[in-house]
Protein backbone atom coordinates (compact mmCIF):
# COMPACT_ATOMS: atom_id res chain seq x y z
CA MET A 1 13.84 -11.28 26.19
CA ASN A 2 12.08 -14.06 24.37
CA THR A 3 9.32 -13.47 21.82
CA LYS A 4 6.51 -13.78 24.37
CA GLU A 5 8.15 -11.23 26.67
CA ILE A 6 8.73 -8.80 23.80
CA LYS A 7 5.06 -8.97 22.84
CA GLU A 8 4.02 -8.35 26.45
CA GLU A 9 6.35 -5.36 26.69
CA ILE A 10 4.98 -3.91 23.45
CA GLN A 11 1.45 -4.16 24.86
CA ARG A 12 2.54 -2.56 28.13
CA LEU A 13 4.39 0.31 26.44
CA LYS A 14 1.49 0.91 24.10
CA LYS A 15 -0.85 1.52 27.05
CA GLU A 16 1.71 3.46 29.07
CA LYS A 17 2.47 5.88 26.21
CA ASN A 18 -1.04 6.09 24.76
CA ALA A 19 0.26 4.76 21.46
CA VAL A 20 -1.57 3.21 18.53
CA ILE A 21 0.02 0.69 16.18
CA LEU A 22 -1.08 0.85 12.55
CA GLY A 23 -0.04 -2.25 10.60
CA HIS A 24 -0.12 -2.84 6.86
CA TYR A 25 -1.34 -6.16 5.47
CA TYR A 26 2.19 -6.88 4.21
CA GLN A 27 3.74 -6.94 7.69
CA ILE A 28 4.84 -10.17 9.36
CA ASP A 29 2.08 -12.10 11.14
CA ASP A 30 3.22 -11.21 14.68
CA ILE A 31 3.12 -7.47 13.93
CA GLN A 32 -0.34 -7.74 12.36
CA LYS A 33 -1.55 -9.52 15.51
CA LEU A 34 -0.20 -6.71 17.73
CA SER A 35 -1.56 -3.88 15.58
CA ASP A 36 -4.60 -1.93 16.72
CA TYR A 37 -5.62 -1.47 13.11
CA VAL A 38 -4.58 -3.55 10.09
CA GLY A 39 -5.42 -2.46 6.58
CA ASP A 40 -4.39 -1.32 3.14
CA SER A 41 -3.15 2.16 2.22
CA LEU A 42 -6.60 3.79 2.01
CA ALA A 43 -7.94 2.30 5.24
CA LEU A 44 -4.80 3.23 7.17
CA ALA A 45 -4.76 6.77 5.72
CA GLU A 46 -8.35 7.23 6.90
CA LYS A 47 -7.59 5.67 10.29
CA ALA A 48 -4.48 7.83 10.77
CA LEU A 49 -6.68 10.91 10.44
CA ASN A 50 -9.00 9.81 13.25
CA VAL A 51 -6.89 7.98 15.84
CA ASP A 52 -7.07 9.28 19.41
CA CYS A 53 -3.55 8.88 20.78
CA ASP A 54 -0.28 10.67 21.48
CA ILE A 55 1.96 8.38 19.44
CA ILE A 56 1.36 6.59 16.14
CA VAL A 57 3.67 3.68 15.38
CA PHE A 58 3.37 2.89 11.70
CA CYS A 59 4.39 -0.65 10.84
CA GLY A 60 4.76 -0.35 7.10
CA VAL A 61 7.19 1.55 4.93
CA HIS A 62 8.50 5.11 5.02
CA PHE A 63 5.96 6.80 2.72
CA MET A 64 3.11 5.37 4.83
CA ALA A 65 4.53 6.79 8.04
CA GLU A 66 5.02 10.11 6.24
CA THR A 67 1.34 10.07 5.29
CA ALA A 68 0.36 9.49 8.92
CA LYS A 69 2.53 12.45 9.98
CA ILE A 70 1.07 14.68 7.26
CA LEU A 71 -2.42 13.92 8.57
CA ASN A 72 -1.36 14.22 12.23
CA PRO A 73 1.29 16.97 12.43
CA SER A 74 0.82 17.41 16.20
CA LYS A 75 1.32 13.72 16.98
CA LYS A 76 4.60 11.84 17.28
CA VAL A 77 4.82 9.36 14.40
CA LEU A 78 7.34 6.52 14.65
CA LEU A 79 8.59 3.98 12.13
CA PRO A 80 10.34 0.87 13.55
CA ASP A 81 12.99 0.93 10.80
CA MET A 82 13.71 4.18 8.96
CA GLU A 83 15.36 2.19 6.18
CA ALA A 84 12.04 0.52 5.33
CA SER A 85 11.63 2.26 2.02
CA CYS A 86 9.72 1.34 -1.16
CA SER A 87 11.10 0.58 -4.62
CA LEU A 88 8.14 2.34 -6.22
CA ALA A 89 8.51 5.49 -4.14
CA GLU A 90 12.28 5.47 -4.76
CA SER A 91 11.67 5.33 -8.52
CA CYS A 92 10.21 8.85 -8.48
CA LYS A 93 12.42 11.62 -7.09
CA GLY A 94 11.03 15.10 -6.53
CA GLU A 95 13.49 17.00 -8.72
CA ASP A 96 13.03 14.59 -11.64
CA PHE A 97 9.26 14.57 -11.34
CA ALA A 98 9.06 18.37 -11.21
CA LYS A 99 10.85 18.49 -14.59
CA PHE A 100 8.54 15.81 -15.99
CA LYS A 101 5.47 17.67 -14.72
CA ALA A 102 6.66 20.90 -16.37
CA GLN A 103 6.43 19.21 -19.78
CA TYR A 104 2.65 18.87 -19.36
CA PRO A 105 1.45 22.22 -17.97
CA ASP A 106 -2.23 21.49 -18.76
CA ASN A 107 -2.31 18.13 -16.95
CA MET A 108 -3.49 17.63 -13.41
CA VAL A 109 -1.31 15.26 -11.39
CA ILE A 110 -2.77 12.16 -9.74
CA SER A 111 -0.21 10.31 -7.65
CA TYR A 112 -0.56 6.87 -6.16
CA VAL A 113 -0.20 7.02 -2.37
CA ASN A 114 2.96 4.89 -2.72
CA CYS A 115 5.15 7.97 -3.18
CA SER A 116 7.18 10.36 -1.06
CA ALA A 117 5.83 13.50 0.60
CA GLU A 118 7.79 15.44 -2.01
CA ILE A 119 5.76 13.89 -4.82
CA LYS A 120 2.51 14.31 -2.91
CA ALA A 121 3.32 18.03 -2.58
CA LEU A 122 3.64 18.23 -6.38
CA SER A 123 0.28 16.49 -6.88
CA ASP A 124 -3.32 17.63 -7.23
CA LEU A 125 -4.89 14.39 -6.03
CA ILE A 126 -3.68 11.23 -4.29
CA CYS A 127 -5.21 7.82 -4.98
CA THR A 128 -4.83 4.23 -3.84
CA SER A 129 -5.23 1.02 -5.79
CA GLY A 130 -8.65 0.70 -4.18
CA ASN A 131 -10.08 4.05 -5.26
CA ALA A 132 -8.05 5.06 -8.35
CA GLU A 133 -10.58 3.88 -10.94
CA LYS A 134 -13.53 5.64 -9.31
CA LEU A 135 -11.59 8.84 -8.69
CA VAL A 136 -10.39 9.01 -12.30
CA ASN A 137 -13.89 8.24 -13.62
CA SER A 138 -15.34 11.08 -11.53
CA LEU A 139 -13.18 13.65 -13.35
CA PRO A 140 -14.28 15.35 -16.60
CA LYS A 141 -13.52 13.23 -19.68
CA ASP A 142 -11.47 16.01 -21.24
CA GLN A 143 -9.28 16.45 -18.14
CA LYS A 144 -5.66 15.76 -19.05
CA ILE A 145 -3.86 13.74 -16.38
CA ILE A 146 -0.34 12.76 -15.36
CA PHE A 147 -0.34 9.54 -13.30
CA ALA A 148 2.63 8.76 -11.05
CA PRO A 149 4.64 6.87 -10.04
CA ASP A 150 3.35 3.37 -10.98
CA LYS A 151 3.09 2.79 -14.72
CA ASN A 152 1.47 -0.63 -14.17
CA LEU A 153 -1.37 0.72 -12.03
CA GLY A 154 -1.68 3.74 -14.33
CA GLY A 155 -1.79 1.49 -17.40
CA TYR A 156 -4.47 -0.65 -15.80
CA ILE A 157 -6.57 2.42 -14.93
CA ASN A 158 -6.17 3.66 -18.51
CA SER A 159 -7.43 0.29 -19.79
CA VAL A 160 -10.57 0.22 -17.62
CA THR A 161 -11.47 3.91 -17.92
CA GLY A 162 -10.54 4.55 -21.55
CA ARG A 163 -8.28 7.42 -20.47
CA GLU A 164 -4.89 8.28 -21.92
CA MET A 165 -3.13 9.43 -18.79
CA VAL A 166 0.55 10.26 -19.17
CA LEU A 167 2.45 7.73 -17.05
CA TRP A 168 5.61 8.16 -15.01
CA ASN A 169 7.94 5.20 -15.62
CA GLY A 170 8.01 3.62 -12.14
CA VAL A 171 7.17 0.17 -10.79
CA CYS A 172 6.97 -1.85 -7.58
CA MET A 173 9.84 -4.30 -8.01
CA VAL A 174 7.95 -7.06 -6.18
CA HIS A 175 4.76 -6.90 -8.22
CA ASP A 176 6.46 -6.13 -11.53
CA ALA A 177 8.74 -9.18 -11.16
CA MET A 178 5.77 -11.56 -11.06
CA GLN A 179 5.40 -13.25 -14.43
CA ALA A 180 2.37 -14.46 -16.38
CA GLU A 181 4.31 -17.61 -17.31
CA GLU A 182 4.57 -18.57 -13.65
CA ILE A 183 0.83 -18.04 -13.21
CA ILE A 184 0.11 -20.27 -16.22
CA LYS A 185 2.32 -23.04 -14.76
CA LEU A 186 0.41 -22.83 -11.48
CA LYS A 187 -2.92 -22.92 -13.33
CA VAL A 188 -1.87 -26.21 -14.94
CA LYS A 189 -1.07 -27.59 -11.49
CA TYR A 190 -4.19 -26.09 -9.87
CA PRO A 191 -6.79 -25.92 -12.68
CA GLN A 192 -9.67 -25.04 -10.35
CA ALA A 193 -7.86 -22.11 -8.71
CA LYS A 194 -8.91 -18.50 -9.30
CA VAL A 195 -6.07 -16.09 -10.09
CA ILE A 196 -6.28 -12.87 -8.09
CA ALA A 197 -3.81 -10.07 -8.82
CA HIS A 198 -2.91 -6.59 -7.60
CA PRO A 199 -2.97 -3.91 -10.32
CA GLU A 200 0.68 -3.09 -9.57
CA CYS A 201 1.48 -6.29 -11.50
CA ASN A 202 2.55 -5.99 -15.14
CA GLY A 203 0.00 -5.99 -17.95
CA ALA A 204 0.83 -9.48 -19.20
CA LEU A 205 0.09 -11.00 -15.80
CA LEU A 206 -3.12 -9.02 -15.38
CA LYS A 207 -4.43 -10.50 -18.64
CA VAL A 208 -4.41 -14.01 -17.12
CA ALA A 209 -6.04 -12.95 -13.83
CA ASP A 210 -9.62 -13.81 -12.92
CA PHE A 211 -9.83 -10.85 -10.56
CA ILE A 212 -7.80 -7.63 -10.33
CA GLY A 213 -8.09 -5.42 -7.29
CA SER A 214 -6.59 -3.75 -4.25
CA THR A 215 -5.63 -5.76 -1.19
CA LYS A 216 -8.98 -5.05 0.45
CA ALA A 217 -10.86 -5.89 -2.76
CA MET A 218 -9.04 -9.23 -3.00
CA LEU A 219 -10.06 -10.10 0.56
CA LYS A 220 -13.70 -9.33 -0.22
CA TYR A 221 -13.55 -11.34 -3.46
CA ILE A 222 -12.21 -14.42 -1.65
CA GLU A 223 -14.88 -14.26 1.05
CA LYS A 224 -17.69 -14.10 -1.53
CA SER A 225 -16.22 -16.64 -3.95
CA ASP A 226 -17.33 -20.27 -4.07
CA SER A 227 -13.82 -21.27 -5.15
CA LYS A 228 -11.68 -23.15 -2.63
CA GLN A 229 -8.31 -22.41 -4.26
CA PHE A 230 -6.68 -19.09 -5.14
CA ILE A 231 -3.41 -18.23 -6.87
CA VAL A 232 -2.35 -14.97 -5.22
CA ALA A 233 -0.29 -12.45 -7.22
CA THR A 234 0.68 -9.92 -4.59
CA GLU A 235 2.93 -9.59 -1.53
CA THR A 236 2.81 -12.66 0.72
CA GLY A 237 2.03 -10.74 3.92
CA ILE A 238 -1.62 -10.70 2.87
CA LEU A 239 -1.81 -14.49 3.33
CA TYR A 240 -2.17 -14.04 7.11
CA GLU A 241 -5.45 -12.16 6.72
CA MET A 242 -6.64 -14.41 3.90
CA LYS A 243 -6.09 -17.59 5.92
CA LYS A 244 -7.51 -16.08 9.11
CA ASN A 245 -10.76 -15.11 7.38
CA ASN A 246 -11.01 -18.20 5.16
CA PRO A 247 -9.60 -21.25 7.00
CA ASP A 248 -11.34 -23.63 4.60
CA LYS A 249 -9.63 -22.22 1.50
CA GLU A 250 -6.18 -22.78 -0.01
CA PHE A 251 -3.84 -20.01 -1.15
CA ILE A 252 -0.99 -20.51 -3.60
CA THR A 253 1.71 -17.90 -4.19
CA LEU A 254 4.15 -17.61 -7.07
CA GLY A 255 6.96 -19.00 -4.91
CA ASP A 256 4.95 -22.20 -4.58
CA GLY A 257 5.75 -22.85 -8.22
CA GLY A 258 9.30 -23.64 -7.21
CA SER A 259 10.92 -20.44 -8.45
CA CYS A 260 11.73 -17.99 -5.67
CA ALA A 261 10.42 -15.98 -2.74
CA CYS A 262 10.08 -12.98 -5.04
CA SER A 263 6.57 -12.29 -3.70
CA ASP A 264 8.12 -10.97 -0.47
CA CYS A 265 8.78 -7.25 -0.08
CA SER A 266 12.12 -7.01 1.72
CA TYR A 267 11.32 -3.44 2.82
CA MET A 268 8.05 -4.45 4.48
CA LYS A 269 9.79 -7.30 6.25
CA MET A 270 12.42 -4.98 7.75
CA ASN A 271 10.06 -4.21 10.62
CA THR A 272 10.51 -6.85 13.33
CA LEU A 273 9.13 -7.37 16.84
CA GLU A 274 12.46 -6.27 18.34
CA LYS A 275 12.47 -3.06 16.29
CA LEU A 276 8.84 -2.38 17.20
CA TYR A 277 9.67 -2.82 20.89
CA ASN A 278 12.73 -0.53 20.73
CA CYS A 279 10.77 2.00 18.72
CA LEU A 280 8.09 2.25 21.43
CA LYS A 281 10.62 2.19 24.28
CA ASP A 282 12.91 4.90 22.89
CA GLU A 283 10.27 6.80 20.84
CA THR A 284 12.56 6.77 17.85
CA PRO A 285 13.03 6.75 14.83
CA GLU A 286 10.58 9.63 14.46
CA ILE A 287 9.18 11.01 11.21
CA LEU A 288 10.04 14.72 11.06
CA MET A 289 8.87 17.08 8.32
CA SER A 290 8.67 20.83 7.81
CA ASP A 291 5.34 22.61 8.28
CA GLU A 292 5.49 23.77 4.67
CA MET A 293 5.94 20.24 3.32
CA ILE A 294 3.16 18.91 5.54
CA GLU A 295 0.75 21.60 4.33
CA LYS A 296 1.53 21.07 0.64
CA ALA A 297 1.39 17.28 0.84
CA LYS A 298 -1.78 17.27 2.92
CA ARG A 299 -4.01 19.02 0.35
CA PRO A 300 -4.13 16.21 -2.25
CA ILE A 301 -4.57 13.55 0.47
CA ILE A 302 -7.53 15.38 2.03
CA ARG A 303 -8.97 15.85 -1.46
CA MET A 304 -8.72 12.06 -1.96
CA LEU A 305 -10.45 11.33 1.35
CA ASP A 306 -13.19 13.90 0.68
CA MET A 307 -13.82 12.56 -2.83
CA SER A 308 -13.77 8.97 -1.57
CA LYS A 309 -16.50 9.83 0.96
CA GLN A 310 -18.57 11.62 -1.69
CA LEU A 311 -18.29 8.63 -4.01
CA GLY A 312 -19.18 6.17 -1.25
CA ILE A 313 -15.79 4.43 -1.29
CA ILE A 314 -15.18 5.01 2.44
C-alpha cells in the first residue's frame, strides 16, 4: 500500500474497532494529523481518563502508553512499537530507586510523568513539566521532597520555588544534549529571535532562554508573542503544531545551526504510519500490567489530576 492507502486504512480500522488515537506533540507530522487528540503529557493523561472507546492506540513512548493503561485498566491499550522507550525513564530503574528512596524516609516522592509504572508505584505524586511548579508550591514549605527522575527539571523547579528537593540523577538525552553555546551562535545569526526552552534542558541553556515552559506553555507563548522568530530548544516534533498555528512566524531549531539533528528523539520517531496500521489491524503490541501494579501506580496520577483541577491547571 502507498501512504494514502495506509492512512485510509487507519481511518477505516479506527471506526471499525471503536479505537481512539492519542498522539504526542513529538510524533511525526502524519501521525499527529491522524490522531484524535494531540497534546503534551498532562493533556493526554487527562484525555486518556475520559476517552469513550474500546481501544486506545498511544502514539508516543512506552511510559505514556503505560499511563493510559493505568488510567483505563479495562480498555485495550496499544503502542505501535514496543521498543519506543525513553532515555529519561530508562535512567531510573525500580530497584535502584527503591534503595535511593530508603535513604530519605521523611521525604515524599514527586516523580515526573516521564518514568516507568514501577517508579510511579513508588511515588506519592506525579507531575508534568506543565504543572510541576504549581504542584510543588502548593505543598507545605517544610515538606521534604525527592524529585525523580529528571535532575534538570527538578533543578529548575528548585530554582523557581526556592525548594531544596533531593534530585535523582537522570536526564532526557535529547534535551540535555542541547548546548547554550549553540543557542548563543543562533542568537548572533537571528538577533531578533526569542529563545524558548523546555525545562528538561540543562541549567546553562535555561539561563540564556527568554521563556522556559512545557510544550503547551511554549505554544501559548508563541501565539501571544509579537516576535516573528523563535529559537526552539526542545524536540523537533513540536514544530508541526507551531507552524500550523503560526504560519506567519519562523522557527529555528538547534540543528539549523549546522551541528546535528540532535533535537530529534529517536524513540518518538520509532512510531511510523506502517506500524500504526499494523498495530490497529492486529491489535498488538498491547500494554499488559498486573492489577497490583496498576492500582499502586494509579494513586499518584489521580492525585496529580485532582490537585491540577483544584489549582485550576486543567
